Amino acid sequence: MPVAHAAVAGAPEPGPAGVLPVAALNSSNDMFANGLGNGDDFRTAGLGGHLRLGGLTLAVDGSMLTDREAGTRSDELLAIAGWAFGRERPTTGWHAGGFIGGGVRVDGNSGGEEVQNAVHRTINVDEVHLAYDGDEEIRPALAGSAVVGWLGPAGLGLTGWWGGQLIAATQYALDGEAIMEAGPRLCLVGQQGAVWAGVRYRWREGDPANVTAAATGWHEDGLWLDLGTFVVPFGQGDGAWGYQLRSGINTESRAAFGSLGLVVAPGVSPPAPELALEHDLAVYGGGGFGVQLRWYPWPYQDTGRRSAAVLDYSFGTEPDGRLRLDTGPHSNPVAADLRYDQFTAGWEEAVRSPDWSGLRFVPWVQAGVGARQEGIVVEGDGAHVATDRASAAVARGALGVRLVMGERLSLGGSVNGWLPFWREEVHSGTDTVTLNDPGWAVGVHVAAHIAW
């Protein structure tokens, strides 16, 4: 699961409608996946994408690998050219497709350390200085993906399609290692978006390029939860485009990785009577991220009123969550983050202003309840999460305003608060840290208004 637009680097995959997108470009990072994931180590960040011209497909993927415990790092770069097979237009019923190609894999120093530390300086995080692992290696590589699945009408008065897929992907570097993934997923496909959830099993054979690649592979082996969504509110047909989110969590090592990027023509269902949805992305003060889905049932709308059922997931580092833990009288303080995962369901009430040349202001207020987990992640010790973590039921409240443009896109700001039903004090070294304290954060939002 650990690459931007494909689960295995260099092997772009068909989407939930069985169609390989015309193009994708994604930035990926372990901090995009969940709050209590791995602590900025192993496959720490990457950039990847592909372009399909009919059947001819070109793919490039790059990743920065680190092993802080061993004090080493390596960069991984793949460039693959190949052919996509299967249908180019989504339909109901059975489908099969995939990609096969060949190219080159490069392991070594490709400038990843400079990129990582430039980002860390920008966001005021400690720089990471590690020795590059071994000499540069350049090897021929093969990559491929395959999918078989079924889609049918959603039924139950819902629009769009639903179904399931079996999906697999692989990459092989000549005289090196082979990486493989396979597993099932459930899919929901709408007119301007899709959602999928499944599991995958990842395993390797052969000889990794270096010690850092071997440590990263060991960290990523095993069972992954695979979650993703895309929305394409702009354009139509082969010109439909929007953004895609993907997240994976390893159930064994707690490795976590996610991606955010652009996607073109990923395959959607045809026009039909629709549900009105808004797909919201947020960045919160302190280092938090959020994804929110709002559904607007028709009985609760009128000229000025705008009401919605709300599902909200937020994660990341708390405001003022950068910690320096005192581990003892003869040790230097250890950098750590106070991180969280929070999921709530609730309701929104909003008021729409008159339309001014396609622009509307929408003040809103939300309330919800759900669950919250907080924990201490020691910076740079891989998947280790301090055993001191705690979960609690939580109430969430928020208020803000959106600027809606053409009923397609909105930008906005918010103030978000959370009130856990109980809290817990834990001891880390000689320090005492309170988990699940009440708090608040300022958020910046962008939302796509889509038909489902």
Protein backbone atom coordinates (compact mmCIF):
# COMPACT_ATOMS: atom_id res chain seq x y z
CA MET A 1 0.00 0.00 0.00
CA PRO A 2 2.87 2.41 0.32
CA VAL A 3 2.97 4.35 -2.97
CA ALA A 4 1.06 7.33 -4.28
CA HIS A 5 -1.08 6.34 -7.28
CA ALA A 6 -0.31 2.60 -7.11
CA ALA A 7 0.04 0.12 -4.28
CA VAL A 8 3.29 -1.22 -5.78
CA ALA A 9 5.71 1.34 -7.25
CA GLY A 10 5.70 1.46 -11.04
CA ALA A 11 2.47 -0.54 -11.40
CA PRO A 12 -0.53 1.80 -11.88
CA GLU A 13 -3.85 0.10 -11.13
CA PRO A 14 -7.39 0.25 -12.52
CA GLY A 15 -9.76 2.13 -10.26
CA PRO A 16 -12.96 0.89 -8.57
CA ALA A 17 -14.87 1.05 -11.89
CA GLY A 18 -12.27 -1.23 -13.53
CA VAL A 19 -10.74 1.57 -15.64
CA LEU A 20 -7.12 2.76 -15.50
CA PRO A 21 -7.28 6.57 -15.11
CA VAL A 22 -5.99 8.63 -18.03
CA ALA A 23 -3.56 10.38 -15.67
CA ALA A 24 -2.67 10.71 -12.00
CA LEU A 25 -0.14 12.72 -10.00
CA ASN A 26 0.13 12.21 -6.25
CA SER A 27 2.24 13.25 -3.29
CA SER A 28 2.48 10.63 -0.58
CA ASN A 29 3.65 10.71 3.02
CA ASP A 30 3.31 8.62 6.16
CA MET A 31 1.79 11.63 7.97
CA PHE A 32 -1.18 11.59 5.52
CA ALA A 33 -2.40 8.18 6.68
CA ASN A 34 -3.46 8.38 10.33
CA GLY A 35 -2.49 9.99 13.57
CA LEU A 36 -0.93 7.08 15.41
CA GLY A 37 1.05 5.58 12.55
CA ASN A 38 4.77 5.20 12.05
CA GLY A 39 6.92 8.08 13.28
CA ASP A 40 8.33 9.54 10.03
CA ASP A 41 10.55 6.57 9.17
CA PHE A 42 11.02 3.83 6.55
CA ARG A 43 9.01 4.90 3.43
CA THR A 44 8.70 8.44 4.66
CA ALA A 45 7.53 10.29 1.52
CA GLY A 46 7.18 9.97 -2.24
CA LEU A 47 5.93 11.40 -5.50
CA GLY A 48 4.43 9.40 -8.36
CA GLY A 49 2.17 9.46 -11.36
CA HIS A 50 1.25 7.98 -14.71
CA LEU A 51 -0.08 9.02 -18.12
CA ARG A 52 -2.17 6.75 -20.37
CA LEU A 53 -2.32 7.48 -24.11
CA GLY A 54 -4.84 4.93 -25.35
CA GLY A 55 -3.17 1.73 -24.19
CA LEU A 56 0.41 3.08 -23.96
CA THR A 57 1.11 4.00 -20.33
CA LEU A 58 4.11 5.76 -18.78
CA ALA A 59 4.65 5.62 -14.99
CA VAL A 60 7.21 7.18 -12.64
CA ASP A 61 7.47 6.66 -8.86
CA GLY A 62 10.03 7.98 -6.38
CA SER A 63 10.30 7.32 -2.64
CA MET A 64 12.57 8.36 0.24
CA LEU A 65 13.47 5.47 2.53
CA THR A 66 15.01 5.85 5.99
CA ASP A 67 16.06 3.54 8.82
CA ARG A 68 16.74 5.84 11.74
CA GLU A 69 17.67 3.02 14.10
CA ALA A 70 20.47 1.92 11.74
CA GLY A 71 21.28 5.52 10.79
CA THR A 72 20.90 4.90 7.05
CA ARG A 73 18.78 6.05 4.13
CA SER A 74 18.22 5.36 0.43
CA ASP A 75 16.11 6.75 -2.38
CA GLU A 76 14.08 4.58 -4.76
CA LEU A 77 13.15 5.63 -8.30
CA LEU A 78 11.21 3.66 -10.93
CA ALA A 79 10.48 4.62 -14.54
CA ILE A 80 8.20 2.17 -16.38
CA ALA A 81 6.63 2.12 -19.85
CA GLY A 82 3.96 -0.43 -20.73
CA TRP A 83 0.48 -1.24 -21.95
CA ALA A 84 -2.90 -0.99 -20.22
CA PHE A 85 -5.47 -3.63 -21.11
CA GLY A 86 -9.16 -3.96 -20.38
CA ARG A 87 -12.09 -1.63 -20.98
CA GLU A 88 -11.76 2.13 -21.32
CA ARG A 89 -15.39 2.91 -20.39
CA PRO A 90 -17.00 1.74 -17.13
CA THR A 91 -20.14 -0.39 -17.32
CA THR A 92 -22.06 -2.67 -14.99
CA GLY A 93 -21.39 -6.41 -14.93
CA TRP A 94 -18.07 -8.25 -14.85
CA HIS A 95 -14.82 -6.52 -15.77
CA ALA A 96 -11.12 -7.34 -15.97
CA GLY A 97 -8.07 -5.27 -16.81
CA GLY A 98 -4.61 -4.18 -15.76
CA PHE A 99 -1.17 -3.03 -16.83
CA ILE A 100 2.14 -4.65 -17.76
CA GLY A 101 5.42 -2.88 -18.48
CA GLY A 102 9.17 -2.69 -18.12
CA GLY A 103 11.79 -0.08 -17.34
CA VAL A 104 14.42 0.71 -14.76
CA ARG A 105 14.77 0.87 -10.97
CA VAL A 106 17.42 3.10 -9.33
CA ASP A 107 18.40 2.74 -5.65
CA GLY A 108 20.82 5.13 -3.93
CA ASN A 109 21.26 8.88 -3.54
CA SER A 110 18.77 10.80 -5.68
CA GLY A 111 18.67 13.91 -3.48
CA GLY A 112 15.98 12.73 -1.07
CA GLU A 113 17.76 14.01 2.04
CA GLU A 114 17.83 17.58 0.71
CA VAL A 115 14.12 17.41 -0.17
CA GLN A 116 13.09 15.94 3.19
CA ASN A 117 15.03 18.47 5.23
CA ALA A 118 13.77 21.39 3.13
CA VAL A 119 10.22 20.30 3.99
CA HIS A 120 11.12 19.82 7.66
CA ARG A 121 12.59 23.34 7.86
CA THR A 122 9.42 24.74 6.29
CA ILE A 123 7.13 23.09 8.87
CA ASN A 124 9.56 23.62 11.80
CA VAL A 125 10.41 19.95 12.38
CA ASP A 126 13.85 18.57 13.27
CA GLU A 127 16.03 17.79 10.25
CA VAL A 128 17.02 14.18 9.53
CA HIS A 129 20.67 13.52 8.68
CA LEU A 130 21.44 9.88 7.84
CA ALA A 131 24.19 8.18 5.81
CA TYR A 132 23.25 6.91 2.36
CA ASP A 133 23.31 3.13 2.29
CA GLY A 134 25.82 1.58 -0.16
CA ASP A 135 26.48 2.44 -3.79
CA GLU A 136 23.92 3.43 -6.37
CA GLU A 137 22.32 0.46 -8.13
CA ILE A 138 20.55 0.61 -11.49
CA ARG A 139 18.62 -2.48 -12.57
CA PRO A 140 16.09 -3.41 -15.27
CA ALA A 141 12.61 -3.77 -13.77
CA LEU A 142 9.24 -5.28 -14.63
CA ALA A 143 5.91 -4.15 -13.16
CA GLY A 144 2.26 -5.08 -13.58
CA SER A 145 -1.21 -4.97 -12.09
CA ALA A 146 -4.46 -6.86 -12.65
CA VAL A 147 -8.07 -6.55 -11.51
CA VAL A 148 -11.21 -8.62 -11.88
CA GLY A 149 -14.54 -7.52 -10.43
CA TRP A 150 -18.26 -6.91 -10.73
CA LEU A 151 -20.41 -3.76 -10.50
CA GLY A 152 -24.20 -3.44 -10.34
CA PRO A 153 -26.89 -0.84 -9.56
CA ALA A 154 -26.82 0.25 -5.94
CA GLY A 155 -30.58 -0.32 -5.39
CA LEU A 156 -32.43 0.61 -2.18
CA GLY A 157 -33.25 3.97 -3.74
CA LEU A 158 -29.56 4.90 -3.99
CA THR A 159 -27.80 6.11 -7.14
CA GLY A 160 -24.55 4.87 -8.64
CA TRP A 161 -23.05 1.38 -8.62
CA TRP A 162 -21.69 -0.97 -5.99
CA GLY A 163 -19.57 -4.11 -6.27
CA GLY A 164 -16.31 -5.83 -5.45
CA GLN A 165 -12.90 -6.49 -6.93
CA LEU A 166 -9.88 -8.72 -6.55
CA ILE A 167 -6.74 -6.72 -7.29
CA ALA A 168 -3.04 -7.63 -7.50
CA ALA A 169 0.19 -5.80 -8.34
CA THR A 170 3.86 -6.72 -8.60
CA GLN A 171 7.30 -5.29 -9.28
CA TYR A 172 10.54 -7.20 -9.98
CA ALA A 173 14.07 -5.77 -10.23
CA LEU A 174 16.37 -8.08 -12.21
CA ASP A 175 18.66 -10.04 -9.86
CA GLY A 176 17.02 -8.16 -6.98
CA GLU A 177 13.76 -8.40 -5.09
CA ALA A 178 10.19 -9.08 -6.17
CA ILE A 179 7.37 -7.22 -4.39
CA MET A 180 3.79 -8.49 -4.56
CA GLU A 181 0.39 -7.43 -3.23
CA ALA A 182 -3.07 -8.94 -3.59
CA GLY A 183 -6.47 -8.68 -1.94
CA PRO A 184 -10.21 -7.89 -2.24
CA ARG A 185 -12.00 -4.57 -1.92
CA LEU A 186 -15.59 -3.28 -1.89
CA CYS A 187 -16.42 -0.33 -4.16
CA LEU A 188 -19.09 2.37 -4.44
CA VAL A 189 -19.03 4.35 -7.71
CA GLY A 190 -21.06 7.53 -8.25
CA GLN A 191 -21.46 10.13 -10.98
CA GLN A 192 -18.61 12.31 -9.74
CA GLY A 193 -16.74 10.16 -7.27
CA ALA A 194 -16.02 6.76 -5.77
CA VAL A 195 -15.10 5.15 -2.45
CA TRP A 196 -13.37 1.84 -1.80
CA ALA A 197 -12.30 -0.21 1.23
CA GLY A 198 -10.50 -3.52 1.38
CA VAL A 199 -7.51 -5.51 2.58
CA ARG A 200 -4.27 -6.49 0.90
CA TYR A 201 -1.45 -8.82 1.74
CA ARG A 202 2.08 -7.70 0.82
CA TRP A 203 5.11 -9.95 0.58
CA ARG A 204 8.61 -10.04 -0.99
CA GLU A 205 11.08 -12.52 -2.45
CA GLY A 206 14.73 -12.13 -3.47
CA ASP A 207 17.48 -9.71 -2.45
CA PRO A 208 16.73 -6.05 -1.56
CA ALA A 209 19.00 -3.38 -3.02
CA ASN A 210 20.43 -2.38 0.38
CA VAL A 211 19.92 -2.59 4.13
CA THR A 212 17.52 0.38 4.21
CA ALA A 213 15.35 -1.14 1.49
CA ALA A 214 15.36 -4.45 3.39
CA ALA A 215 14.25 -2.75 6.64
CA THR A 216 11.52 -0.85 4.79
CA GLY A 217 10.31 -4.05 3.13
CA TRP A 218 10.16 -5.87 6.46
CA HIS A 219 8.20 -2.94 7.91
CA GLU A 220 5.69 -3.10 5.02
CA ASP A 221 5.20 -6.89 4.82
CA GLY A 222 1.90 -8.28 6.00
CA LEU A 223 -1.78 -7.36 6.00
CA TRP A 224 -2.87 -3.81 5.05
CA LEU A 225 -6.21 -2.02 5.35
CA ASP A 226 -6.73 -0.20 2.02
CA LEU A 227 -9.02 2.85 1.95
CA GLY A 228 -9.50 5.46 -0.76
CA THR A 229 -11.76 7.95 -2.49
CA PHE A 230 -11.73 10.29 -5.47
CA VAL A 231 -14.00 13.11 -6.60
CA VAL A 232 -14.10 14.60 -10.12
CA PRO A 233 -16.34 17.69 -10.02
CA PHE A 234 -14.73 19.30 -13.08
CA GLY A 235 -15.14 18.35 -16.75
CA GLN A 236 -16.86 15.32 -18.27
CA GLY A 237 -15.92 11.96 -19.80
CA ASP A 238 -12.20 11.65 -20.56
CA GLY A 239 -11.81 15.26 -19.42
CA ALA A 240 -13.30 14.73 -15.94
CA TRP A 241 -10.76 15.59 -13.27
CA GLY A 242 -10.46 16.16 -9.55
CA TYR A 243 -8.51 14.86 -6.58
CA GLN A 244 -7.84 11.47 -5.02
CA LEU A 245 -7.07 10.39 -1.45
CA ARG A 246 -5.66 7.06 -0.42
CA SER A 247 -4.68 5.63 2.96
CA GLY A 248 -3.18 2.35 4.11
CA ILE A 249 -2.48 0.97 7.58
CA ASN A 250 -0.50 -2.22 8.28
CA THR A 251 -2.33 -4.19 10.96
CA GLU A 252 0.87 -5.89 12.15
CA SER A 253 3.65 -3.26 12.15
CA ARG A 254 1.38 -0.16 12.39
CA ALA A 255 3.05 1.19 9.27
CA ALA A 256 0.88 3.94 7.78
CA PHE A 257 0.99 5.73 4.46
CA GLY A 258 -1.32 8.02 2.53
CA SER A 259 -1.45 10.08 -0.65
CA LEU A 260 -3.17 13.18 -1.98
CA GLY A 261 -3.18 14.25 -5.61
CA LEU A 262 -4.87 14.85 -8.94
CA VAL A 263 -6.66 12.26 -11.08
CA VAL A 264 -8.08 12.46 -14.62
CA ALA A 265 -10.90 10.24 -15.96
CA PRO A 266 -10.81 7.53 -13.27
CA GLY A 267 -14.19 6.03 -14.32
CA VAL A 268 -17.62 6.97 -12.91
CA SER A 269 -21.27 5.92 -13.28
CA PRO A 270 -23.53 7.59 -15.91
CA PRO A 271 -25.85 10.56 -15.16
CA ALA A 272 -28.98 9.67 -13.17
CA PRO A 273 -31.17 11.11 -10.40
CA GLU A 274 -28.60 12.21 -7.89
CA LEU A 275 -27.71 12.67 -4.23
CA ALA A 276 -26.08 15.98 -3.29
CA LEU A 277 -22.79 15.48 -1.44
CA GLU A 278 -19.87 17.65 -0.38
CA HIS A 279 -16.38 16.17 0.00
CA ASP A 280 -14.30 18.36 2.34
CA LEU A 281 -10.53 18.39 2.97
CA ALA A 282 -9.12 20.33 5.93
CA VAL A 283 -5.80 21.36 7.44
CA TYR A 284 -5.81 22.22 11.16
CA GLY A 285 -3.41 24.30 13.20
CA GLY A 286 -0.59 22.30 14.78
CA GLY A 287 -0.35 19.64 12.08
CA GLY A 288 -3.78 18.04 11.79
CA PHE A 289 -5.69 16.91 8.71
CA GLY A 290 -9.35 16.16 8.13
CA VAL A 291 -11.71 14.51 5.68
CA GLN A 292 -15.44 15.19 5.90
CA LEU A 293 -18.43 13.95 3.92
CA ARG A 294 -21.70 15.93 4.03
CA TRP A 295 -25.00 14.60 2.66
CA TYR A 296 -27.88 17.02 2.05
CA PRO A 297 -31.26 15.20 2.36
CA TRP A 298 -33.86 17.05 0.28
CA PRO A 299 -36.55 17.48 3.02
CA TYR A 300 -34.16 19.72 5.00
CA GLN A 301 -33.36 22.32 2.32
CA ASP A 302 -35.14 25.53 1.38
CA THR A 303 -34.23 28.95 -0.04
CA GLY A 304 -32.01 29.97 2.84
CA ARG A 305 -31.52 26.84 4.91
CA ARG A 306 -28.85 24.24 4.17
CA SER A 307 -28.73 21.16 6.46
CA ALA A 308 -26.55 18.07 6.25
CA ALA A 309 -25.68 14.77 7.88
CA VAL A 310 -21.94 14.81 8.59
CA LEU A 311 -19.23 12.13 8.81
CA ASP A 312 -15.92 13.59 10.01
CA TYR A 313 -12.47 11.99 10.37
CA SER A 314 -9.49 14.01 11.60
CA PHE A 315 -5.97 12.96 12.54
CA GLY A 316 -2.44 14.21 13.02
CA THR A 317 -0.55 16.21 15.62
CA GLU A 318 -2.45 18.24 18.20
CA PRO A 319 -2.00 22.01 18.48
CA ASP A 320 0.96 22.48 20.83
CA GLY A 321 1.57 18.75 20.41
CA ARG A 322 5.34 18.97 19.83
CA LEU A 323 6.90 17.46 22.96
CA ARG A 324 10.36 17.19 24.46
CA LEU A 325 10.33 14.25 26.85
CA ASP A 326 12.83 14.02 29.71
CA THR A 327 13.96 10.38 29.77
CA GLY A 328 16.28 10.67 32.74
CA PRO A 329 19.09 12.65 34.41
CA HIS A 330 21.80 11.39 32.02
CA SER A 331 19.89 11.59 28.72
CA ASN A 332 19.03 14.35 26.29
CA PRO A 333 15.35 15.22 25.86
CA VAL A 334 13.63 13.12 23.19
CA ALA A 335 11.48 14.75 20.49
CA ALA A 336 7.94 13.36 20.33
CA ASP A 337 4.49 14.21 19.00
CA LEU A 338 1.13 14.05 20.75
CA ARG A 339 -1.04 12.60 17.96
CA TYR A 340 -4.68 11.71 17.61
CA ASP A 341 -7.31 9.96 15.51
CA GLN A 342 -10.95 11.09 15.81
CA PHE A 343 -14.12 9.92 14.05
CA THR A 344 -17.54 11.50 14.64
CA ALA A 345 -21.02 11.49 13.11
CA GLY A 346 -23.34 14.45 13.45
CA TRP A 347 -25.42 17.21 11.86
CA GLU A 348 -24.87 20.62 10.28
CA GLU A 349 -27.16 23.65 10.13
CA ALA A 350 -26.23 26.42 7.70
CA VAL A 351 -27.68 29.52 6.08
CA ARG A 352 -27.08 30.44 2.43
CA SER A 353 -26.70 34.04 1.35
CA PRO A 354 -28.25 35.29 -1.92
CA ASP A 355 -26.36 34.43 -5.10
CA TRP A 356 -23.92 37.16 -6.17
CA SER A 357 -22.67 36.31 -9.69
CA GLY A 358 -22.20 32.66 -8.76
CA LEU A 359 -20.83 33.31 -5.27
CA ARG A 360 -22.54 32.54 -1.96
CA PHE A 361 -21.49 32.86 1.67
CA VAL A 362 -22.59 29.97 3.90
CA PRO A 363 -22.15 30.36 7.68
CA TRP A 364 -22.54 27.01 9.44
CA VAL A 365 -22.42 25.19 12.76
CA GLN A 366 -21.87 21.46 13.40
CA ALA A 367 -22.22 19.07 16.33
CA GLY A 368 -21.39 15.37 16.55
CA VAL A 369 -20.31 12.49 18.76
CA GLY A 370 -17.86 9.66 18.23
CA ALA A 371 -14.52 8.29 19.43
CA ARG A 372 -11.04 9.75 19.88
CA GLN A 373 -7.65 8.12 20.49
CA GLU A 374 -4.50 9.94 21.54
CA GLY A 375 -0.95 8.68 21.92
CA ILE A 376 2.71 9.68 22.01
CA VAL A 377 4.79 8.93 18.92
CA VAL A 378 8.52 9.24 19.52
CA GLU A 379 10.02 11.05 16.55
CA GLY A 380 12.04 8.79 14.29
CA ASP A 381 11.68 5.39 15.93
CA GLY A 382 9.76 3.85 13.06
CA ALA A 383 6.48 2.13 13.86
CA HIS A 384 6.98 2.37 17.59
CA VAL A 385 4.01 4.02 19.30
CA ALA A 386 4.35 4.53 23.03
CA THR A 387 2.28 2.04 24.98
CA ASP A 388 0.82 5.08 26.71
CA ARG A 389 -2.19 5.79 24.54
CA ALA A 390 -5.83 6.17 25.45
CA SER A 391 -9.27 6.17 23.81
CA ALA A 392 -12.42 8.02 24.83
CA ALA A 393 -15.89 8.89 23.61
CA VAL A 394 -15.91 12.47 22.38
CA ALA A 395 -18.29 15.31 21.54
CA ARG A 396 -17.30 17.59 18.67
CA GLY A 397 -18.49 21.11 17.87
CA ALA A 398 -17.46 23.46 15.06
CA LEU A 399 -18.49 26.71 13.42
CA GLY A 400 -17.27 28.44 10.31
CA VAL A 401 -18.09 30.02 6.97
CA ARG A 402 -17.69 28.89 3.34
CA LEU A 403 -17.40 30.84 0.14
CA VAL A 404 -19.25 28.72 -2.45
CA MET A 405 -18.25 29.24 -6.09
CA GLY A 406 -20.64 28.14 -8.81
CA GLU A 407 -22.11 25.38 -6.60
CA ARG A 408 -19.03 23.28 -7.45
CA LEU A 409 -16.26 24.31 -5.08
CA SER A 410 -16.01 26.08 -1.74
CA LEU A 411 -13.23 27.56 0.38
CA GLY A 412 -13.65 28.26 4.07
CA GLY A 413 -12.39 28.54 7.61
CA SER A 414 -13.52 27.07 10.91
CA VAL A 415 -12.96 26.81 14.63
CA ASN A 416 -13.23 23.19 15.83
CA GLY A 417 -13.51 21.98 19.42
CA TRP A 418 -13.52 18.55 21.03
CA LEU A 419 -14.61 17.45 24.49
CA PRO A 420 -13.58 13.88 25.45
CA PHE A 421 -15.85 12.26 28.02
CA TRP A 422 -12.82 11.30 30.11
CA ARG A 423 -9.06 11.84 30.11
CA GLU A 424 -6.01 9.97 31.30
CA GLU A 425 -2.58 10.91 32.65
CA VAL A 426 0.38 8.84 31.51
CA HIS A 427 4.07 8.87 32.44
CA SER A 428 6.80 8.94 29.81
CA GLY A 429 10.23 9.00 31.40
CA THR A 430 10.07 11.63 34.11
CA ASP A 431 7.30 13.61 32.37
CA THR A 432 3.54 13.39 32.87
CA VAL A 433 1.36 13.88 29.79
CA THR A 434 -2.43 14.21 29.80
CA LEU A 435 -4.21 12.37 26.98
CA ASN A 436 -7.70 13.29 25.73
CA ASP A 437 -7.78 16.80 27.13
CA PRO A 438 -10.43 19.16 25.72
CA GLY A 439 -9.09 21.42 23.00
CA TRP A 440 -9.71 23.46 19.88
CA ALA A 441 -8.04 24.21 16.54
CA VAL A 442 -8.45 26.56 13.60
CA GLY A 443 -9.08 24.91 10.23
CA VAL A 444 -8.79 25.84 6.56
CA HIS A 445 -11.09 23.92 4.17
CA VAL A 446 -11.60 23.17 0.48
CA ALA A 447 -14.69 21.20 -0.55
CA ALA A 448 -15.98 19.75 -3.82
CA HIS A 449 -19.74 19.69 -4.43
CA ILE A 450 -20.51 16.43 -6.26
CA ALA A 451 -23.43 14.39 -7.60
CA TRP A 452 -23.63 10.77 -6.54
